[in-house]
Amino acid sequence: MRTTRRIDLKDDGAIAALLMCLREGGLAAVPTETVYGLAADAANGQAVAGIFEAKGRPRFNPLICHVSDLAMAERYARFDDVSRRLAERFWPGPLTLVLPAIPDAGLHPLVMGGLDTVALRAPQGPFRSVISALGRPIAAPSANRSGRVSPTTAEHVLRTLEGRIDLLADGGATEQGLESTIVRAFDDHIRLLRPGTLTAERIEAEAGLPVLRRDESDAISAPGQLLSHYAPAGRVRLGAIAPEPGEYWIGFGPEPDAGLESAGGSFNLSPSGDLREAASRLFAALSAFDAPEIERIAVASIPSDGLGEAINDRLRRAAADR
């Protein structure tokens, strides 16, 4: 077991401490605008292997590599015109692009999960300063045990990774609370590999190409595509009208007329039915009920338009057979 050191990201010396950890091949949990990421030098094979070990993550599941900007990204991947336009429009931000990797550019093969493509994103916030100072991409999947709920606070990180990582930079609750959107551009369309906070409609409008959804039976081609993922300890029941006795309730919009009095507990993603608020609170809700003694969780129906597509994607994976 490692000793996990916790620092405040606002403190003087926090960025320097993160850099030292990464340069020495360590693992650090850092906040982004989406969720907390588990960071390691993407060029250091032992450090990248440490991510898989800490998370208990299948080796065939690729990792997102975070870059400071488009110029850094172009040293490691071949950009087509559409992908470059999307990067120029939405970076830094919650968009991950899957692109053909440039051979022998310096990324360790483990980050690509055996594929000939690499997933790249330029995040918002202080993490970009760390990447820029390191001078090369940082691999950073969500900072949690594989398949469990993605972390939106430092406490969520410690719940599953304390003693497994070297450093935790506490930056408070993340702003968006849901992972990035992942896409890959083709000549006549864009493939949505994972929905996220950047909606397919905005991507389609910017690119001028149709955005097509991925079939769940397709082979894994990007991070976050495992069928069972984002799961709390208990079983999750979707599309519920009201909780059954003893179930824990995750609501959306007005609460049900009956049933809450016999629920084990309740958490409303957005009493007003606001999808942006619901997206930002989704993992907080799942984490609140992620405990061995909580066996059953019921979730209200959520519209599938806009951000609802990403919310429902995460909920389906949380409810999938394990």
C-alpha atoms as a PDB file:
ATOM      1  CA  MET A   1       0.000   0.000   0.000  1.00  0.00           C
ATOM      2  CA  ARG A   2       1.148   3.538  -0.772  1.00  0.00           C
ATOM      3  CA  THR A   3       0.816   6.570   1.444  1.00  0.00           C
ATOM      4  CA  THR A   4      -1.587   8.937  -0.297  1.00  0.00           C
ATOM      5  CA  ARG A   5      -0.571  12.551   0.305  1.00  0.00           C
ATOM      6  CA  ARG A   6      -3.381  15.103   0.050  1.00  0.00           C
ATOM      7  CA  ILE A   7      -2.721  18.700  -0.988  1.00  0.00           C
ATOM      8  CA  ASP A   8      -4.930  21.712  -1.696  1.00  0.00           C
ATOM      9  CA  LEU A   9      -4.712  22.663  -5.353  1.00  0.00           C
ATOM     10  CA  LYS A  10      -4.918  26.353  -4.378  1.00  0.00           C
ATOM     11  CA  ASP A  11      -1.820  26.172  -2.182  1.00  0.00           C
ATOM     12  CA  ASP A  12       1.512  27.555  -3.341  1.00  0.00           C
ATOM     13  CA  GLY A  13       3.622  24.696  -4.570  1.00  0.00           C
ATOM     14  CA  ALA A  14       0.688  22.437  -5.523  1.00  0.00           C
ATOM     15  CA  ILE A  15       1.518  22.488  -9.246  1.00  0.00           C
ATOM     16  CA  ALA A  16       5.189  21.837  -8.468  1.00  0.00           C
ATOM     17  CA  ALA A  17       4.246  18.901  -6.241  1.00  0.00           C
ATOM     18  CA  LEU A  18       2.099  17.401  -8.995  1.00  0.00           C
ATOM     19  CA  LEU A  19       4.913  17.801 -11.517  1.00  0.00           C
ATOM     20  CA  MET A  20       7.439  16.135  -9.222  1.00  0.00           C
ATOM     21  CA  CYS A  21       5.082  13.220  -8.612  1.00  0.00           C
ATOM     22  CA  LEU A  22       4.497  12.664 -12.337  1.00  0.00           C
ATOM     23  CA  ARG A  23       8.155  13.078 -13.315  1.00  0.00           C
ATOM     24  CA  GLU A  24       9.100  10.444 -10.752  1.00  0.00           C
ATOM     25  CA  GLY A  25       6.598   7.973 -12.234  1.00  0.00           C
ATOM     26  CA  GLY A  26       3.968   8.426  -9.537  1.00  0.00           C
ATOM     27  CA  LEU A  27       0.180   8.481  -9.670  1.00  0.00           C
ATOM     28  CA  ALA A  28      -1.769  11.652  -8.847  1.00  0.00           C
ATOM     29  CA  ALA A  29      -5.509  12.332  -8.686  1.00  0.00           C
ATOM     30  CA  VAL A  30      -6.318  15.752 -10.136  1.00  0.00           C
ATOM     31  CA  PRO A  31      -9.585  17.633 -10.748  1.00  0.00           C
ATOM     32  CA  THR A  32     -10.675  18.648 -14.226  1.00  0.00           C
ATOM     33  CA  GLU A  33     -13.851  20.450 -15.251  1.00  0.00           C
ATOM     34  CA  THR A  34     -15.505  17.041 -15.760  1.00  0.00           C
ATOM     35  CA  VAL A  35     -14.414  14.569 -13.028  1.00  0.00           C
ATOM     36  CA  TYR A  36     -11.228  13.821 -11.080  1.00  0.00           C
ATOM     37  CA  GLY A  37      -8.624  12.054 -13.210  1.00  0.00           C
ATOM     38  CA  LEU A  38      -5.945   9.544 -12.200  1.00  0.00           C
ATOM     39  CA  ALA A  39      -2.860  11.022 -13.808  1.00  0.00           C
ATOM     40  CA  ALA A  40       0.424   9.460 -14.926  1.00  0.00           C
ATOM     41  CA  ASP A  41       3.094  10.361 -17.469  1.00  0.00           C
ATOM     42  CA  ALA A  42       1.769   8.881 -20.734  1.00  0.00           C
ATOM     43  CA  ALA A  43       5.319   8.169 -21.924  1.00  0.00           C
ATOM     44  CA  ASN A  44       6.283   6.177 -18.812  1.00  0.00           C
ATOM     45  CA  GLY A  45       5.259   2.534 -19.195  1.00  0.00           C
ATOM     46  CA  GLN A  46       5.602   1.674 -15.511  1.00  0.00           C
ATOM     47  CA  ALA A  47       3.557   4.713 -14.491  1.00  0.00           C
ATOM     48  CA  VAL A  48       0.818   3.874 -17.007  1.00  0.00           C
ATOM     49  CA  ALA A  49       0.795   0.273 -15.799  1.00  0.00           C
ATOM     50  CA  GLY A  50       0.317   1.717 -12.308  1.00  0.00           C
ATOM     51  CA  ILE A  51      -2.966   3.282 -13.452  1.00  0.00           C
ATOM     52  CA  PHE A  52      -4.276  -0.112 -14.507  1.00  0.00           C
ATOM     53  CA  GLU A  53      -3.086  -1.667 -11.256  1.00  0.00           C
ATOM     54  CA  ALA A  54      -4.607   1.045  -9.051  1.00  0.00           C
ATOM     55  CA  LYS A  55      -7.929   0.953 -10.889  1.00  0.00           C
ATOM     56  CA  GLY A  56      -8.070  -2.798 -11.456  1.00  0.00           C
ATOM     57  CA  ARG A  57      -8.743  -1.845 -15.074  1.00  0.00           C
ATOM     58  CA  PRO A  58      -8.807  -4.335 -18.001  1.00  0.00           C
ATOM     59  CA  ARG A  59      -5.705  -3.856 -20.143  1.00  0.00           C
ATOM     60  CA  PHE A  60      -7.748  -3.724 -23.351  1.00  0.00           C
ATOM     61  CA  ASN A  61      -9.533  -0.550 -22.259  1.00  0.00           C
ATOM     62  CA  PRO A  62      -7.604   2.457 -23.650  1.00  0.00           C
ATOM     63  CA  LEU A  63      -6.883   5.650 -21.698  1.00  0.00           C
ATOM     64  CA  ILE A  64      -7.514   9.293 -22.536  1.00  0.00           C
ATOM     65  CA  CYS A  65      -4.290  11.272 -22.922  1.00  0.00           C
ATOM     66  CA  HIS A  66      -4.585  14.914 -21.893  1.00  0.00           C
ATOM     67  CA  VAL A  67      -2.720  17.585 -23.834  1.00  0.00           C
ATOM     68  CA  SER A  68      -2.199  21.281 -23.187  1.00  0.00           C
ATOM     69  CA  ASP A  69      -3.311  22.392 -26.639  1.00  0.00           C
ATOM     70  CA  LEU A  70      -3.733  21.457 -30.292  1.00  0.00           C
ATOM     71  CA  ALA A  71      -0.053  21.983 -31.036  1.00  0.00           C
ATOM     72  CA  MET A  72       0.928  19.310 -28.508  1.00  0.00           C
ATOM     73  CA  ALA A  73      -1.787  16.970 -29.781  1.00  0.00           C
ATOM     74  CA  GLU A  74      -0.490  17.186 -33.346  1.00  0.00           C
ATOM     75  CA  ARG A  75       2.859  15.741 -32.227  1.00  0.00           C
ATOM     76  CA  TYR A  76       1.125  12.483 -31.284  1.00  0.00           C
ATOM     77  CA  ALA A  77      -1.829  12.065 -33.667  1.00  0.00           C
ATOM     78  CA  ARG A  78      -2.783  12.728 -37.280  1.00  0.00           C
ATOM     79  CA  PHE A  79      -5.590  15.276 -37.522  1.00  0.00           C
ATOM     80  CA  ASP A  80      -8.098  15.404 -40.356  1.00  0.00           C
ATOM     81  CA  ASP A  81      -9.793  18.717 -41.177  1.00  0.00           C
ATOM     82  CA  VAL A  82     -12.971  17.954 -39.212  1.00  0.00           C
ATOM     83  CA  SER A  83     -11.131  16.860 -36.074  1.00  0.00           C
ATOM     84  CA  ARG A  84      -8.919  19.937 -36.218  1.00  0.00           C
ATOM     85  CA  ARG A  85     -11.969  22.186 -36.537  1.00  0.00           C
ATOM     86  CA  LEU A  86     -13.621  20.507 -33.540  1.00  0.00           C
ATOM     87  CA  ALA A  87     -10.443  20.898 -31.476  1.00  0.00           C
ATOM     88  CA  GLU A  88     -10.138  24.555 -32.414  1.00  0.00           C
ATOM     89  CA  ARG A  89     -13.774  25.150 -31.448  1.00  0.00           C
ATOM     90  CA  PHE A  90     -14.142  23.054 -28.291  1.00  0.00           C
ATOM     91  CA  TRP A  91     -10.651  22.827 -26.736  1.00  0.00           C
ATOM     92  CA  PRO A  92      -9.946  23.341 -23.946  1.00  0.00           C
ATOM     93  CA  GLY A  93     -13.134  21.595 -22.935  1.00  0.00           C
ATOM     94  CA  PRO A  94     -15.018  18.317 -22.477  1.00  0.00           C
ATOM     95  CA  LEU A  95     -14.351  16.838 -25.928  1.00  0.00           C
ATOM     96  CA  THR A  96     -12.106  13.806 -26.534  1.00  0.00           C
ATOM     97  CA  LEU A  97     -11.032  13.054 -30.106  1.00  0.00           C
ATOM     98  CA  VAL A  98     -10.015   9.557 -31.216  1.00  0.00           C
ATOM     99  CA  LEU A  99      -7.361   9.888 -33.909  1.00  0.00           C
ATOM    100  CA  PRO A 100      -4.764   7.782 -35.747  1.00  0.00           C
ATOM    101  CA  ALA A 101      -1.676   7.645 -33.547  1.00  0.00           C
ATOM    102  CA  ILE A 102       1.687   8.683 -34.965  1.00  0.00           C
ATOM    103  CA  PRO A 103       3.979   5.644 -34.552  1.00  0.00           C
ATOM    104  CA  ASP A 104       6.959   6.050 -32.238  1.00  0.00           C
ATOM    105  CA  ALA A 105       5.887   9.546 -31.195  1.00  0.00           C
ATOM    106  CA  GLY A 106       6.621   8.778 -27.567  1.00  0.00           C
ATOM    107  CA  LEU A 107       3.349   7.571 -26.029  1.00  0.00           C
ATOM    108  CA  HIS A 108       3.549   4.210 -24.294  1.00  0.00           C
ATOM    109  CA  PRO A 109       1.477   1.549 -26.146  1.00  0.00           C
ATOM    110  CA  LEU A 110      -0.501   0.747 -22.971  1.00  0.00           C
ATOM    111  CA  VAL A 111      -2.382   4.046 -23.203  1.00  0.00           C
ATOM    112  CA  MET A 112      -3.789   2.956 -26.568  1.00  0.00           C
ATOM    113  CA  GLY A 113      -4.979  -0.441 -25.357  1.00  0.00           C
ATOM    114  CA  GLY A 114      -3.518  -2.281 -28.345  1.00  0.00           C
ATOM    115  CA  LEU A 115      -5.230   0.000 -30.881  1.00  0.00           C
ATOM    116  CA  ASP A 116      -3.640   2.141 -33.610  1.00  0.00           C
ATOM    117  CA  THR A 117      -5.576   5.175 -32.400  1.00  0.00           C
ATOM    118  CA  VAL A 118      -5.172   7.486 -29.433  1.00  0.00           C
ATOM    119  CA  ALA A 119      -7.823   9.412 -27.467  1.00  0.00           C
ATOM    120  CA  LEU A 120      -6.784  13.045 -26.844  1.00  0.00           C
ATOM    121  CA  ARG A 121      -8.361  15.898 -24.869  1.00  0.00           C
ATOM    122  CA  ALA A 122      -7.278  19.371 -23.748  1.00  0.00           C
ATOM    123  CA  PRO A 123      -8.909  19.967 -20.332  1.00  0.00           C
ATOM    124  CA  GLN A 124      -9.859  23.233 -18.713  1.00  0.00           C
ATOM    125  CA  GLY A 125      -8.416  24.469 -15.420  1.00  0.00           C
ATOM    126  CA  PRO A 126      -5.083  24.135 -13.561  1.00  0.00           C
ATOM    127  CA  PHE A 127      -4.422  20.642 -14.939  1.00  0.00           C
ATOM    128  CA  ARG A 128      -3.462  22.250 -18.274  1.00  0.00           C
ATOM    129  CA  SER A 129      -0.619  24.061 -16.522  1.00  0.00           C
ATOM    130  CA  VAL A 130       0.727  20.749 -15.270  1.00  0.00           C
ATOM    131  CA  ILE A 131       0.581  19.220 -18.757  1.00  0.00           C
ATOM    132  CA  SER A 132       2.258  22.223 -20.312  1.00  0.00           C
ATOM    133  CA  ALA A 133       5.050  22.202 -17.724  1.00  0.00           C
ATOM    134  CA  LEU A 134       5.617  18.445 -18.189  1.00  0.00           C
ATOM    135  CA  GLY A 135       5.825  19.022 -21.935  1.00  0.00           C
ATOM    136  CA  ARG A 136       4.031  15.839 -23.014  1.00  0.00           C
ATOM    137  CA  PRO A 137       0.610  14.176 -22.623  1.00  0.00           C
ATOM    138  CA  ILE A 138      -0.666  12.903 -19.291  1.00  0.00           C
ATOM    139  CA  ALA A 139      -2.836   9.789 -19.227  1.00  0.00           C
ATOM    140  CA  ALA A 140      -5.770  10.327 -16.874  1.00  0.00           C
ATOM    141  CA  PRO A 141      -8.857   8.120 -16.735  1.00  0.00           C
ATOM    142  CA  SER A 142     -11.344   8.787 -13.948  1.00  0.00           C
ATOM    143  CA  ALA A 143      -9.800   8.452 -10.472  1.00  0.00           C
ATOM    144  CA  ASN A 144     -11.778   5.494  -9.176  1.00  0.00           C
ATOM    145  CA  ARG A 145     -11.649   1.708  -9.152  1.00  0.00           C
ATOM    146  CA  SER A 146     -12.661   0.347 -12.548  1.00  0.00           C
ATOM    147  CA  GLY A 147     -16.395   0.050 -13.047  1.00  0.00           C
ATOM    148  CA  ARG A 148     -17.236   2.125  -9.979  1.00  0.00           C
ATOM    149  CA  VAL A 149     -18.779   5.586  -9.769  1.00  0.00           C
ATOM    150  CA  SER A 150     -16.643   8.367 -11.249  1.00  0.00           C
ATOM    151  CA  PRO A 151     -15.400  10.854  -8.619  1.00  0.00           C
ATOM    152  CA  THR A 152     -16.470  14.485  -8.494  1.00  0.00           C
ATOM    153  CA  THR A 153     -14.851  15.335  -5.113  1.00  0.00           C
ATOM    154  CA  ALA A 154     -11.589  14.456  -3.369  1.00  0.00           C
ATOM    155  CA  GLU A 155     -13.546  12.357  -0.879  1.00  0.00           C
ATOM    156  CA  HIS A 156     -14.931  10.241  -3.725  1.00  0.00           C
ATOM    157  CA  VAL A 157     -11.368   9.580  -4.895  1.00  0.00           C
ATOM    158  CA  LEU A 158     -10.223   8.438  -1.470  1.00  0.00           C
ATOM    159  CA  ARG A 159     -13.188   6.082  -1.147  1.00  0.00           C
ATOM    160  CA  THR A 160     -11.679   3.619  -3.635  1.00  0.00           C
ATOM    161  CA  LEU A 161      -8.081   4.764  -4.220  1.00  0.00           C
ATOM    162  CA  GLU A 162      -6.646   5.756  -0.837  1.00  0.00           C
ATOM    163  CA  GLY A 163      -3.423   3.802  -0.375  1.00  0.00           C
ATOM    164  CA  ARG A 164      -3.254   3.059  -4.126  1.00  0.00           C
ATOM    165  CA  ILE A 165      -2.030   6.461  -5.367  1.00  0.00           C
ATOM    166  CA  ASP A 166       0.759   8.817  -4.345  1.00  0.00           C
ATOM    167  CA  LEU A 167      -0.894  12.223  -4.425  1.00  0.00           C
ATOM    168  CA  LEU A 168      -4.379  13.732  -4.342  1.00  0.00           C
ATOM    169  CA  ALA A 169      -4.828  17.365  -5.371  1.00  0.00           C
ATOM    170  CA  ASP A 170      -8.053  18.620  -3.795  1.00  0.00           C
ATOM    171  CA  GLY A 171      -9.706  21.219  -5.996  1.00  0.00           C
ATOM    172  CA  GLY A 172     -13.194  20.951  -4.530  1.00  0.00           C
ATOM    173  CA  ALA A 173     -16.210  19.638  -6.427  1.00  0.00           C
ATOM    174  CA  THR A 174     -15.813  19.463 -10.210  1.00  0.00           C
ATOM    175  CA  GLU A 175     -17.858  21.882 -12.285  1.00  0.00           C
ATOM    176  CA  GLN A 176     -19.606  19.598 -14.775  1.00  0.00           C
ATOM    177  CA  GLY A 177     -19.670  16.272 -12.950  1.00  0.00           C
ATOM    178  CA  LEU A 178     -19.828  14.085 -16.079  1.00  0.00           C
ATOM    179  CA  GLU A 179     -17.036  12.827 -18.316  1.00  0.00           C
ATOM    180  CA  SER A 180     -16.089  14.215 -21.699  1.00  0.00           C
ATOM    181  CA  THR A 181     -17.812  13.399 -24.961  1.00  0.00           C
ATOM    182  CA  ILE A 182     -15.725  11.049 -27.149  1.00  0.00           C
ATOM    183  CA  VAL A 183     -15.977  11.131 -30.958  1.00  0.00           C
ATOM    184  CA  ARG A 184     -14.108   9.994 -34.035  1.00  0.00           C
ATOM    185  CA  ALA A 185     -14.428  11.794 -37.378  1.00  0.00           C
ATOM    186  CA  PHE A 186     -14.786   9.992 -40.720  1.00  0.00           C
ATOM    187  CA  ASP A 187     -15.150  11.341 -44.256  1.00  0.00           C
ATOM    188  CA  ASP A 188     -18.938  11.562 -44.226  1.00  0.00           C
ATOM    189  CA  HIS A 189     -19.930  11.326 -40.548  1.00  0.00           C
ATOM    190  CA  ILE A 190     -18.811  11.544 -36.959  1.00  0.00           C
ATOM    191  CA  ARG A 191     -19.096   8.515 -34.669  1.00  0.00           C
ATOM    192  CA  LEU A 192     -20.234   9.248 -31.120  1.00  0.00           C
ATOM    193  CA  LEU A 193     -18.211   6.782 -29.057  1.00  0.00           C
ATOM    194  CA  ARG A 194     -19.316   8.072 -25.650  1.00  0.00           C
ATOM    195  CA  PRO A 195     -21.878  10.823 -24.980  1.00  0.00           C
ATOM    196  CA  GLY A 196     -20.857  13.496 -22.501  1.00  0.00           C
ATOM    197  CA  THR A 197     -21.412  17.083 -21.469  1.00  0.00           C
ATOM    198  CA  LEU A 198     -20.776  18.382 -24.997  1.00  0.00           C
ATOM    199  CA  THR A 199     -23.923  17.341 -26.850  1.00  0.00           C
ATOM    200  CA  ALA A 200     -24.034  15.581 -30.195  1.00  0.00           C
ATOM    201  CA  GLU A 201     -26.182  18.423 -31.533  1.00  0.00           C
ATOM    202  CA  ARG A 202     -23.463  21.022 -30.898  1.00  0.00           C
ATOM    203  CA  ILE A 203     -20.818  18.801 -32.501  1.00  0.00           C
ATOM    204  CA  GLU A 204     -23.014  18.178 -35.533  1.00  0.00           C
ATOM    205  CA  ALA A 205     -23.699  21.893 -35.952  1.00  0.00           C
ATOM    206  CA  GLU A 206     -20.002  22.773 -35.813  1.00  0.00           C
ATOM    207  CA  ALA A 207     -18.779  19.964 -38.079  1.00  0.00           C
ATOM    208  CA  GLY A 208     -21.581  20.031 -40.635  1.00  0.00           C
ATOM    209  CA  LEU A 209     -21.656  16.234 -40.572  1.00  0.00           C
ATOM    210  CA  PRO A 210     -24.180  13.799 -39.077  1.00  0.00           C
ATOM    211  CA  VAL A 211     -23.277  12.333 -35.676  1.00  0.00           C
ATOM    212  CA  LEU A 212     -24.010   8.610 -35.585  1.00  0.00           C
ATOM    213  CA  ARG A 213     -24.340   6.599 -32.384  1.00  0.00           C
ATOM    214  CA  ARG A 214     -22.200   3.602 -31.532  1.00  0.00           C
ATOM    215  CA  ASP A 215     -23.767   0.149 -31.290  1.00  0.00           C
ATOM    216  CA  GLU A 216     -23.075  -1.478 -27.907  1.00  0.00           C
ATOM    217  CA  SER A 217     -22.107  -4.704 -29.720  1.00  0.00           C
ATOM    218  CA  ASP A 218     -19.189  -2.941 -31.438  1.00  0.00           C
ATOM    219  CA  ALA A 219     -15.667  -3.706 -30.248  1.00  0.00           C
ATOM    220  CA  ILE A 220     -14.165  -1.329 -27.691  1.00  0.00           C
ATOM    221  CA  SER A 221     -12.558   1.560 -29.567  1.00  0.00           C
ATOM    222  CA  ALA A 222     -12.366   4.280 -26.918  1.00  0.00           C
ATOM    223  CA  PRO A 223     -12.362   4.742 -23.138  1.00  0.00           C
ATOM    224  CA  GLY A 224     -15.599   4.371 -21.170  1.00  0.00           C
ATOM    225  CA  GLN A 225     -17.263   1.744 -23.377  1.00  0.00           C
ATOM    226  CA  LEU A 226     -17.439  -1.211 -20.986  1.00  0.00           C
ATOM    227  CA  LEU A 227     -21.062  -2.322 -20.650  1.00  0.00           C
ATOM    228  CA  SER A 228     -20.915  -2.444 -16.851  1.00  0.00           C
ATOM    229  CA  HIS A 229     -19.425   0.808 -15.611  1.00  0.00           C
ATOM    230  CA  TYR A 230     -20.042   3.677 -13.175  1.00  0.00           C
ATOM    231  CA  ALA A 231     -21.707   1.166 -10.835  1.00  0.00           C
ATOM    232  CA  PRO A 232     -22.449   1.529  -7.093  1.00  0.00           C
ATOM    233  CA  ALA A 233     -22.379  -1.545  -4.851  1.00  0.00           C
ATOM    234  CA  GLY A 234     -26.151  -2.112  -5.020  1.00  0.00           C
ATOM    235  CA  ARG A 235     -28.359  -3.020  -7.950  1.00  0.00           C
ATOM    236  CA  VAL A 236     -29.828  -0.144  -9.954  1.00  0.00           C
ATOM    237  CA  ARG A 237     -33.407  -0.110 -11.283  1.00  0.00           C
ATOM    238  CA  LEU A 238     -34.090   2.421 -14.042  1.00  0.00           C
ATOM    239  CA  GLY A 239     -37.268   4.133 -15.195  1.00  0.00           C
ATOM    240  CA  ALA A 240     -38.888   3.825 -11.786  1.00  0.00           C
ATOM    241  CA  ILE A 241     -42.123   5.684 -11.026  1.00  0.00           C
ATOM    242  CA  ALA A 242     -41.521   5.518  -7.274  1.00  0.00           C
ATOM    243  CA  PRO A 243     -39.219   3.618  -4.897  1.00  0.00           C
ATOM    244  CA  GLU A 244     -40.280   0.282  -3.509  1.00  0.00           C
ATOM    245  CA  PRO A 245     -40.016  -0.206   0.284  1.00  0.00           C
ATOM    246  CA  GLY A 246     -36.363  -0.210   1.307  1.00  0.00           C
ATOM    247  CA  GLU A 247     -35.050   1.043  -2.052  1.00  0.00           C
ATOM    248  CA  TYR A 248     -32.958   4.203  -2.207  1.00  0.00           C
ATOM    249  CA  TRP A 249     -34.385   6.812  -4.555  1.00  0.00           C
ATOM    250  CA  ILE A 250     -32.671   8.990  -7.163  1.00  0.00           C
ATOM    251  CA  GLY A 251     -35.281  11.391  -8.465  1.00  0.00           C
ATOM    252  CA  PHE A 252     -35.560  13.900 -11.285  1.00  0.00           C
ATOM    253  CA  GLY A 253     -38.168  16.639 -11.347  1.00  0.00           C
ATOM    254  CA  PRO A 254     -41.183  16.552  -9.002  1.00  0.00           C
ATOM    255  CA  GLU A 255     -41.047  13.794  -6.409  1.00  0.00           C
ATOM    256  CA  PRO A 256     -43.566  10.907  -6.588  1.00  0.00           C
ATOM    257  CA  ASP A 257     -46.842  11.289  -4.714  1.00  0.00           C
ATOM    258  CA  ALA A 258     -46.147   8.169  -2.646  1.00  0.00           C
ATOM    259  CA  GLY A 259     -43.271   5.860  -1.770  1.00  0.00           C
ATOM    260  CA  LEU A 260     -40.614   8.219  -0.408  1.00  0.00           C
ATOM    261  CA  GLU A 261     -41.727   7.599   3.163  1.00  0.00           C
ATOM    262  CA  SER A 262     -40.661   3.956   2.897  1.00  0.00           C
ATOM    263  CA  ALA A 263     -37.438   4.598   0.921  1.00  0.00           C
ATOM    264  CA  GLY A 264     -34.066   4.042   2.549  1.00  0.00           C
ATOM    265  CA  GLY A 265     -32.971   7.500   1.415  1.00  0.00           C
ATOM    266  CA  SER A 266     -33.456   9.937  -1.457  1.00  0.00           C
ATOM    267  CA  PHE A 267     -31.438  12.269  -3.687  1.00  0.00           C
ATOM    268  CA  ASN A 268     -33.072  14.454  -6.345  1.00  0.00           C
ATOM    269  CA  LEU A 269     -30.798  15.209  -9.305  1.00  0.00           C
ATOM    270  CA  SER A 270     -32.816  18.311 -10.157  1.00  0.00           C
ATOM    271  CA  PRO A 271     -36.197  19.120  -8.576  1.00  0.00           C
ATOM    272  CA  SER A 272     -36.811  21.617 -11.390  1.00  0.00           C
ATOM    273  CA  GLY A 273     -36.016  19.057 -14.113  1.00  0.00           C
ATOM    274  CA  ASP A 274     -32.868  20.834 -15.335  1.00  0.00           C
ATOM    275  CA  LEU A 275     -30.645  18.403 -17.273  1.00  0.00           C
ATOM    276  CA  ARG A 276     -27.464  20.421 -16.733  1.00  0.00           C
ATOM    277  CA  GLU A 277     -27.995  20.372 -12.975  1.00  0.00           C
ATOM    278  CA  ALA A 278     -28.806  16.652 -13.143  1.00  0.00           C
ATOM    279  CA  ALA A 279     -25.608  15.905 -15.094  1.00  0.00           C
ATOM    280  CA  SER A 280     -23.484  17.783 -12.573  1.00  0.00           C
ATOM    281  CA  ARG A 281     -25.044  15.863  -9.658  1.00  0.00           C
ATOM    282  CA  LEU A 282     -25.328  12.357 -11.157  1.00  0.00           C
ATOM    283  CA  PHE A 283     -22.105  10.846  -9.803  1.00  0.00           C
ATOM    284  CA  ALA A 284     -22.618  12.602  -6.473  1.00  0.00           C
ATOM    285  CA  ALA A 285     -25.993  10.828  -6.205  1.00  0.00           C
ATOM    286  CA  LEU A 286     -24.570   7.424  -7.114  1.00  0.00           C
ATOM    287  CA  SER A 287     -21.656   7.950  -4.720  1.00  0.00           C
ATOM    288  CA  ALA A 288     -24.023   8.923  -1.897  1.00  0.00           C
ATOM    289  CA  PHE A 289     -25.662   5.502  -2.181  1.00  0.00           C
ATOM    290  CA  ASP A 290     -22.486   3.527  -2.933  1.00  0.00           C
ATOM    291  CA  ALA A 291     -22.233   1.433   0.228  1.00  0.00           C
ATOM    292  CA  PRO A 292     -22.271  -2.339   0.883  1.00  0.00           C
ATOM    293  CA  GLU A 293     -25.407  -2.104   3.032  1.00  0.00           C
ATOM    294  CA  ILE A 294     -27.386  -0.396   0.214  1.00  0.00           C
ATOM    295  CA  GLU A 295     -28.623  -3.240  -1.964  1.00  0.00           C
ATOM    296  CA  ARG A 296     -31.215  -1.562  -4.201  1.00  0.00           C
ATOM    297  CA  ILE A 297     -31.406   1.851  -5.880  1.00  0.00           C
ATOM    298  CA  ALA A 298     -34.347   3.078  -7.962  1.00  0.00           C
ATOM    299  CA  VAL A 299     -33.884   5.888 -10.499  1.00  0.00           C
ATOM    300  CA  ALA A 300     -36.616   8.034 -12.005  1.00  0.00           C
ATOM    301  CA  SER A 301     -37.017   8.377 -15.774  1.00  0.00           C
ATOM    302  CA  ILE A 302     -34.877  11.101 -17.358  1.00  0.00           C
ATOM    303  CA  PRO A 303     -35.507  12.583 -20.830  1.00  0.00           C
ATOM    304  CA  SER A 304     -32.999  11.435 -23.426  1.00  0.00           C
ATOM    305  CA  ASP A 305     -32.651  14.690 -25.330  1.00  0.00           C
ATOM    306  CA  GLY A 306     -29.533  16.881 -25.083  1.00  0.00           C
ATOM    307  CA  LEU A 307     -27.520  16.115 -21.942  1.00  0.00           C
ATOM    308  CA  GLY A 308     -30.061  13.433 -21.092  1.00  0.00           C
ATOM    309  CA  GLU A 309     -28.352  11.164 -23.622  1.00  0.00           C
ATOM    310  CA  ALA A 310     -25.125  11.181 -21.599  1.00  0.00           C
ATOM    311  CA  ILE A 311     -26.953  10.844 -18.264  1.00  0.00           C
ATOM    312  CA  ASN A 312     -28.929   7.833 -19.482  1.00  0.00           C
ATOM    313  CA  ASP A 313     -25.783   6.264 -20.959  1.00  0.00           C
ATOM    314  CA  ARG A 314     -24.100   6.337 -17.538  1.00  0.00           C
ATOM    315  CA  LEU A 315     -27.226   5.042 -15.800  1.00  0.00           C
ATOM    316  CA  ARG A 316     -27.589   2.102 -18.218  1.00  0.00           C
ATOM    317  CA  ARG A 317     -24.002   1.100 -17.525  1.00  0.00           C
ATOM    318  CA  ALA A 318     -24.504   1.480 -13.776  1.00  0.00           C
ATOM    319  CA  ALA A 319     -27.525  -0.843 -14.029  1.00  0.00           C
ATOM    320  CA  ALA A 320     -25.958  -3.440 -16.372  1.00  0.00           C
ATOM    321  CA  ASP A 321     -25.301  -7.041 -15.341  1.00  0.00           C
ATOM    322  CA  ARG A 322     -21.871  -7.395 -13.737  1.00  0.00           C
END
